[in-house]
Amino acid sequence: MATQMLSIQPDKDEQLVLGSLTSGSSTYQVQSLIGKGAFGKVAKCLRMEDKKIVAIKMIKKQGCNEKQTNREVAALKSLKSLDPDKCNLVRWYQEFTDKEHVCLVFEYLEKSLYDFIKERNSKPLLLMEIRPIVQQLATALYHLKAAGLIHADLKPENVMLVNHLQEPFRVKIIDFGLACNISAARTGSYIQSLFFRSPEIILGYPFTEAIDMWSLGCIAASMYLGTWLYPGRSEYDMIRFISATQGQPPHNLLSLGSKTSHFFQRFKNSTTLWQLKTPEQIHKQTGVQPKETRRIKLSSLDGLLHVGLLFDYST
């Protein structure tokens, strides 16, 4: 479910899946299409046997999607023994095939954290609102680590509010399309959405489940700021913003990154010391002009302590 949960008008292709979906044991009436991502569509459906509302992710069966679908199903199966409510993970019911679609059936959740913030005109959240969200996401990541999984795409679109009216700020993590076993983590993997991509992934450095904690930190800061912490339009912009705020990664780690030379150059007469390339050098190298896209520039993360003075957090 790698998508922001927005109501959208179905296009000609999407109209093909409106109607009903049938598994071996259940029939689902498609009520509306509520999301669309690179690997599938998400529909709000009524399960006819018990009139329960569910969300069904429909992935068209074709070569480029097969590996992605198998990875997601494997991750969901490995989490089946966990209590999804206690672990703050979306509840998965079943997998079935209907015509040309592989269908994954999940509990229906109200809205994404992305949409919730957008509805508030990106107003910063209060600390009393941020804390329970971060605690629940940290709990989810703890259980994913225990299960040997890296989520690899944690972002506000993949954090869902369960039912904000009845359970304020109760959240769950969705979308395991990029999830992988910790033991199978491969250097050079193209994972994580850009704004939440960790230095390990950007630099092509060996990574662990810690990359999910990096994404969680970026989410927490963005909720507090009311804007993205690192809104880079390219990986160079991302590592440039990260270095400006948190300092350049250690030289010994840079030397181990398979992509370090894309963004850094070695000091003359040195094989271990690195210096971030200038925007001008990157423009000459790639033809793409780096851009300053940050609304709030922090010289260190300690600056978050003072940013609250810019906003009224009393309400």
Protein backbone atom coordinates (compact mmCIF):
# COMPACT_ATOMS: atom_id res chain seq x y z
CA MET A 1 0.00 0.00 0.00
CA ALA A 2 2.79 2.41 -0.96
CA THR A 3 0.47 5.31 -1.63
CA GLN A 4 -1.13 8.29 0.00
CA MET A 5 -4.73 7.38 0.70
CA LEU A 6 -6.55 9.97 -1.43
CA SER A 7 -10.00 9.74 -3.00
CA ILE A 8 -9.44 9.78 -6.74
CA GLN A 9 -11.57 9.57 -9.85
CA PRO A 10 -11.01 6.26 -11.65
CA ASP A 11 -9.44 6.46 -15.08
CA LYS A 12 -10.36 4.11 -17.92
CA ASP A 13 -7.99 1.39 -16.71
CA GLU A 14 -9.21 1.65 -13.11
CA GLN A 15 -12.84 1.24 -14.12
CA LEU A 16 -11.94 -2.32 -15.10
CA VAL A 17 -11.54 -3.30 -11.45
CA LEU A 18 -14.68 -1.61 -10.14
CA GLY A 19 -17.40 -4.14 -9.37
CA SER A 20 -16.53 -7.22 -7.35
CA LEU A 21 -13.51 -9.33 -6.50
CA THR A 22 -13.75 -13.00 -5.63
CA SER A 23 -11.43 -15.22 -3.64
CA GLY A 24 -11.96 -18.89 -2.89
CA SER A 25 -13.81 -18.07 0.31
CA SER A 26 -15.05 -14.48 0.01
CA THR A 27 -16.60 -11.97 -2.35
CA TYR A 28 -15.68 -8.30 -2.08
CA GLN A 29 -17.72 -5.44 -3.47
CA VAL A 30 -15.42 -2.62 -4.62
CA GLN A 31 -16.79 0.67 -3.28
CA SER A 32 -14.11 3.10 -4.40
CA LEU A 33 -10.47 3.40 -5.38
CA ILE A 34 -8.67 5.20 -2.58
CA GLY A 35 -5.03 5.01 -3.57
CA LYS A 36 -2.65 4.46 -6.41
CA GLY A 37 1.06 3.68 -6.36
CA ALA A 38 3.84 2.44 -8.60
CA PHE A 39 3.00 -1.23 -7.99
CA GLY A 40 -0.76 -1.26 -7.64
CA LYS A 41 -4.06 0.31 -6.68
CA VAL A 42 -5.86 0.24 -3.36
CA ALA A 43 -9.62 -0.17 -3.15
CA LYS A 44 -12.07 0.27 -0.32
CA CYS A 45 -14.20 -2.88 -0.38
CA LEU A 46 -17.13 -4.44 1.41
CA ARG A 47 -16.61 -8.09 2.38
CA MET A 48 -20.02 -9.52 1.60
CA GLU A 49 -20.01 -12.42 4.09
CA ASP A 50 -19.86 -10.18 7.17
CA LYS A 51 -20.32 -6.66 5.70
CA LYS A 52 -16.87 -5.64 6.95
CA ILE A 53 -15.02 -2.81 5.22
CA VAL A 54 -11.49 -3.78 4.14
CA ALA A 55 -8.73 -2.35 1.96
CA ILE A 56 -7.53 -4.45 -0.97
CA LYS A 57 -4.26 -3.76 -2.73
CA MET A 58 -4.55 -4.91 -6.34
CA ILE A 59 -1.34 -5.61 -8.24
CA LYS A 60 -1.55 -6.37 -11.93
CA LYS A 61 0.17 -9.64 -12.77
CA GLN A 62 3.13 -8.84 -14.96
CA GLY A 63 6.85 -9.59 -14.91
CA CYS A 64 8.09 -6.39 -13.31
CA ASN A 65 5.57 -6.69 -10.44
CA GLU A 66 6.00 -10.38 -9.65
CA LYS A 67 9.19 -10.08 -7.63
CA GLN A 68 7.81 -7.10 -5.72
CA THR A 69 4.59 -8.96 -4.90
CA ASN A 70 6.43 -12.09 -3.76
CA ARG A 71 8.63 -9.98 -1.49
CA GLU A 72 5.63 -8.28 0.09
CA VAL A 73 3.73 -11.52 0.64
CA ALA A 74 6.83 -13.14 2.19
CA ALA A 75 7.17 -10.20 4.59
CA LEU A 76 3.48 -10.33 5.52
CA LYS A 77 3.65 -14.07 6.17
CA SER A 78 6.67 -13.62 8.43
CA LEU A 79 4.65 -11.11 10.48
CA LYS A 80 1.49 -13.22 10.66
CA SER A 81 2.28 -14.52 14.15
CA LEU A 82 2.51 -11.00 15.60
CA ASP A 83 -0.41 -9.15 17.16
CA PRO A 84 -0.91 -6.27 14.69
CA ASP A 85 -2.63 -4.08 17.28
CA LYS A 86 0.08 -4.41 19.91
CA CYS A 87 2.83 -4.13 17.28
CA ASN A 88 1.25 -1.17 15.43
CA LEU A 89 1.31 -2.98 12.10
CA VAL A 90 -1.49 -3.23 9.55
CA ARG A 91 -3.58 -6.39 9.87
CA TRP A 92 -3.32 -8.64 6.79
CA TYR A 93 -6.11 -11.10 6.09
CA GLN A 94 -5.35 -12.99 2.90
CA GLU A 95 -3.93 -13.12 -0.61
CA PHE A 96 -5.88 -14.24 -3.68
CA THR A 97 -5.89 -13.82 -7.44
CA ASP A 98 -8.80 -12.31 -9.36
CA LYS A 99 -8.45 -12.29 -13.14
CA GLU A 100 -5.24 -10.34 -13.91
CA HIS A 101 -4.72 -9.02 -10.37
CA VAL A 102 -3.00 -10.35 -7.27
CA CYS A 103 -5.08 -9.06 -4.35
CA LEU A 104 -3.85 -8.47 -0.80
CA VAL A 105 -6.60 -7.92 1.77
CA PHE A 106 -5.90 -5.64 4.75
CA GLU A 107 -7.89 -4.01 7.50
CA TYR A 108 -9.29 -0.65 6.46
CA LEU A 109 -7.51 2.29 8.09
CA GLU A 110 -8.80 5.85 8.06
CA LYS A 111 -6.12 8.08 6.54
CA SER A 112 -2.39 8.50 6.19
CA LEU A 113 -0.31 10.73 8.40
CA TYR A 114 0.60 12.60 5.21
CA ASP A 115 -3.06 13.40 4.49
CA PHE A 116 -3.74 14.25 8.13
CA ILE A 117 -0.94 16.84 8.14
CA LYS A 118 -2.02 18.14 4.74
CA GLU A 119 -5.58 18.67 6.02
CA ARG A 120 -4.10 20.84 8.78
CA ASN A 121 -2.36 22.99 6.15
CA SER A 122 0.98 21.52 7.29
CA LYS A 123 0.70 23.20 10.68
CA PRO A 124 3.31 21.73 13.07
CA LEU A 125 1.96 19.08 15.41
CA LEU A 126 2.08 19.61 19.15
CA LEU A 127 4.61 17.64 21.17
CA MET A 128 1.72 15.91 22.94
CA GLU A 129 0.57 14.72 19.51
CA ILE A 130 4.01 13.80 18.19
CA ARG A 131 5.08 11.71 21.18
CA PRO A 132 2.44 8.95 20.91
CA ILE A 133 2.97 8.69 17.16
CA VAL A 134 6.74 8.29 17.57
CA GLN A 135 6.32 5.83 20.44
CA GLN A 136 3.99 3.64 18.38
CA LEU A 137 6.26 3.71 15.34
CA ALA A 138 9.26 2.87 17.51
CA THR A 139 7.28 -0.07 18.92
CA ALA A 140 6.51 -1.25 15.39
CA LEU A 141 10.17 -1.03 14.38
CA TYR A 142 11.18 -2.95 17.51
CA HIS A 143 8.91 -5.82 16.48
CA LEU A 144 10.06 -5.68 12.86
CA LYS A 145 13.67 -5.96 14.03
CA ALA A 146 12.73 -8.91 16.25
CA ALA A 147 11.14 -10.54 13.20
CA GLY A 148 14.33 -9.89 11.20
CA LEU A 149 12.73 -7.38 8.82
CA ILE A 150 13.67 -3.95 7.49
CA HIS A 151 10.63 -1.96 6.32
CA ALA A 152 12.75 0.17 3.96
CA ASP A 153 10.04 2.69 3.03
CA LEU A 154 8.91 4.39 6.22
CA LYS A 155 7.32 7.77 5.38
CA PRO A 156 4.14 9.68 6.33
CA GLU A 157 2.22 8.08 3.44
CA ASN A 158 2.91 4.66 4.96
CA VAL A 159 1.85 5.61 8.48
CA MET A 160 -1.92 5.32 8.85
CA LEU A 161 -4.24 6.76 11.47
CA VAL A 162 -6.54 3.90 12.51
CA ASN A 163 -9.63 5.95 13.46
CA HIS A 164 -8.73 9.42 14.61
CA LEU A 165 -12.15 10.27 16.04
CA GLN A 166 -12.40 7.16 18.21
CA GLU A 167 -8.68 6.61 18.85
CA PRO A 168 -6.80 9.92 18.48
CA PHE A 169 -3.27 9.51 17.09
CA ARG A 170 -3.45 5.72 17.04
CA VAL A 171 -1.26 4.70 14.10
CA LYS A 172 -0.07 1.63 12.19
CA ILE A 173 2.62 1.04 9.58
CA ILE A 174 1.54 -0.20 6.15
CA ASP A 175 3.18 -1.21 2.85
CA PHE A 176 5.79 -3.96 2.97
CA GLY A 177 6.52 -3.87 -0.74
CA LEU A 178 10.18 -2.94 -0.18
CA ALA A 179 10.67 -4.90 3.05
CA CYS A 180 13.60 -7.29 3.20
CA ASN A 181 15.20 -9.64 5.68
CA ILE A 182 18.01 -8.06 7.68
CA SER A 183 20.24 -10.96 6.68
CA ALA A 184 19.47 -10.32 2.99
CA ALA A 185 20.19 -6.57 3.01
CA ARG A 186 22.25 -5.82 -0.10
CA THR A 187 24.54 -2.83 -0.54
CA GLY A 188 23.36 -0.71 -3.43
CA SER A 189 19.66 -1.48 -2.97
CA TYR A 190 17.35 1.23 -4.32
CA ILE A 191 15.01 1.65 -1.37
CA GLN A 192 13.50 4.36 0.85
CA SER A 193 11.69 7.44 -0.45
CA LEU A 194 14.08 10.31 -1.12
CA PHE A 195 13.17 12.68 1.75
CA PHE A 196 13.54 9.81 4.24
CA ARG A 197 16.53 8.06 2.64
CA SER A 198 19.40 7.35 5.02
CA PRO A 199 23.07 8.16 4.34
CA GLU A 200 23.84 4.43 4.10
CA ILE A 201 21.50 4.03 1.13
CA ILE A 202 22.57 7.28 -0.55
CA LEU A 203 26.26 6.41 -0.27
CA GLY A 204 25.95 2.71 -1.07
CA TYR A 205 27.16 1.67 2.36
CA PRO A 206 26.25 -1.64 4.10
CA PHE A 207 22.99 -1.13 5.99
CA THR A 208 20.82 -2.64 8.71
CA GLU A 209 17.40 -2.00 10.23
CA ALA A 210 18.86 1.29 11.50
CA ILE A 211 17.79 2.88 8.21
CA ASP A 212 14.18 2.66 9.42
CA MET A 213 15.12 4.59 12.56
CA TRP A 214 16.65 7.28 10.35
CA SER A 215 13.33 7.59 8.50
CA LEU A 216 11.46 7.75 11.81
CA GLY A 217 13.72 10.60 12.94
CA CYS A 218 13.01 12.50 9.72
CA ILE A 219 9.26 11.98 10.20
CA ALA A 220 9.40 13.19 13.81
CA ALA A 221 11.35 16.32 12.87
CA SER A 222 9.00 17.06 9.98
CA MET A 223 5.94 16.80 12.23
CA TYR A 224 7.57 19.25 14.64
CA LEU A 225 8.71 21.68 11.94
CA GLY A 226 5.61 21.59 9.78
CA THR A 227 7.90 21.09 6.79
CA TRP A 228 10.29 18.43 5.53
CA LEU A 229 13.61 18.25 7.37
CA TYR A 230 15.55 17.26 4.22
CA PRO A 231 13.47 18.02 1.09
CA GLY A 232 16.17 17.13 -1.43
CA ARG A 233 15.29 16.83 -5.11
CA SER A 234 18.29 14.58 -5.67
CA GLU A 235 20.56 12.34 -3.62
CA TYR A 236 23.24 15.02 -3.82
CA ASP A 237 20.85 17.58 -2.33
CA MET A 238 19.98 15.07 0.39
CA ILE A 239 23.57 14.39 1.44
CA ARG A 240 24.33 18.13 1.18
CA PHE A 241 21.46 19.03 3.53
CA ILE A 242 22.32 16.19 5.92
CA SER A 243 25.98 17.25 6.06
CA ALA A 244 25.02 20.89 6.67
CA THR A 245 22.87 19.92 9.66
CA GLN A 246 24.47 16.81 11.12
CA GLY A 247 27.99 17.06 9.83
CA GLN A 248 29.73 15.15 7.07
CA PRO A 249 29.81 11.36 7.55
CA PRO A 250 33.12 10.12 8.98
CA HIS A 251 35.91 9.75 6.39
CA ASN A 252 36.44 6.06 7.16
CA LEU A 253 32.77 5.34 6.40
CA LEU A 254 32.84 7.43 3.23
CA SER A 255 35.74 5.31 2.02
CA LEU A 256 33.51 2.21 2.22
CA GLY A 257 30.58 3.64 0.24
CA SER A 258 30.21 2.39 -3.33
CA LYS A 259 28.57 5.68 -4.37
CA THR A 260 30.63 8.09 -2.26
CA SER A 261 32.57 9.39 -5.27
CA HIS A 262 29.29 10.57 -6.83
CA PHE A 263 28.98 13.24 -4.15
CA PHE A 264 32.43 13.62 -2.57
CA GLN A 265 35.97 14.02 -3.85
CA ARG A 266 39.16 12.90 -2.17
CA PHE A 267 41.53 15.49 -0.80
CA LYS A 268 44.67 15.76 -2.92
CA ASN A 269 47.38 13.25 -1.93
CA SER A 270 44.95 11.32 0.29
CA THR A 271 43.09 8.06 -0.14
CA THR A 272 40.93 8.38 2.97
CA LEU A 273 39.92 12.05 3.35
CA TRP A 274 36.83 13.30 1.53
CA GLN A 275 35.24 16.65 0.73
CA LEU A 276 31.67 17.25 -0.42
CA LYS A 277 31.53 18.42 -4.02
CA THR A 278 30.17 21.91 -4.62
CA PRO A 279 26.83 22.49 -6.39
CA GLU A 280 28.81 23.89 -9.30
CA GLN A 281 30.85 20.68 -9.59
CA ILE A 282 27.69 18.57 -9.47
CA HIS A 283 26.06 20.74 -12.15
CA LYS A 284 29.08 20.29 -14.39
CA GLN A 285 29.21 16.55 -13.63
CA THR A 286 25.50 15.74 -14.10
CA GLY A 287 23.97 18.67 -15.95
CA VAL A 288 21.47 19.05 -13.08
CA GLN A 289 21.55 22.24 -11.02
CA PRO A 290 21.23 21.52 -7.27
CA LYS A 291 18.54 23.64 -5.61
CA GLU A 292 17.93 24.98 -2.14
CA THR A 293 14.50 23.66 -1.17
CA ARG A 294 14.61 23.87 2.63
CA ARG A 295 12.09 26.19 4.29
CA ILE A 296 13.96 25.92 7.59
CA LYS A 297 17.75 25.54 7.63
CA LEU A 298 19.31 24.07 10.74
CA SER A 299 23.04 24.21 11.40
CA SER A 300 22.62 21.36 13.90
CA LEU A 301 19.80 19.22 15.24
CA ASP A 302 20.07 21.23 18.45
CA GLY A 303 18.40 23.97 16.44
CA LEU A 304 15.14 22.04 16.82
CA LEU A 305 15.13 23.19 20.46
CA HIS A 306 14.78 26.79 19.32
CA VAL A 307 12.48 26.31 16.35
CA GLY A 308 9.49 26.10 18.69
CA LEU A 309 9.87 29.80 19.29
CA LEU A 310 8.70 30.36 15.71
CA PHE A 311 5.35 28.67 16.39
CA ASP A 312 2.61 28.75 18.98
CA TYR A 313 2.58 25.27 20.55
CA SER A 314 0.16 26.20 23.30
CA THR A 315 -2.96 24.93 21.53
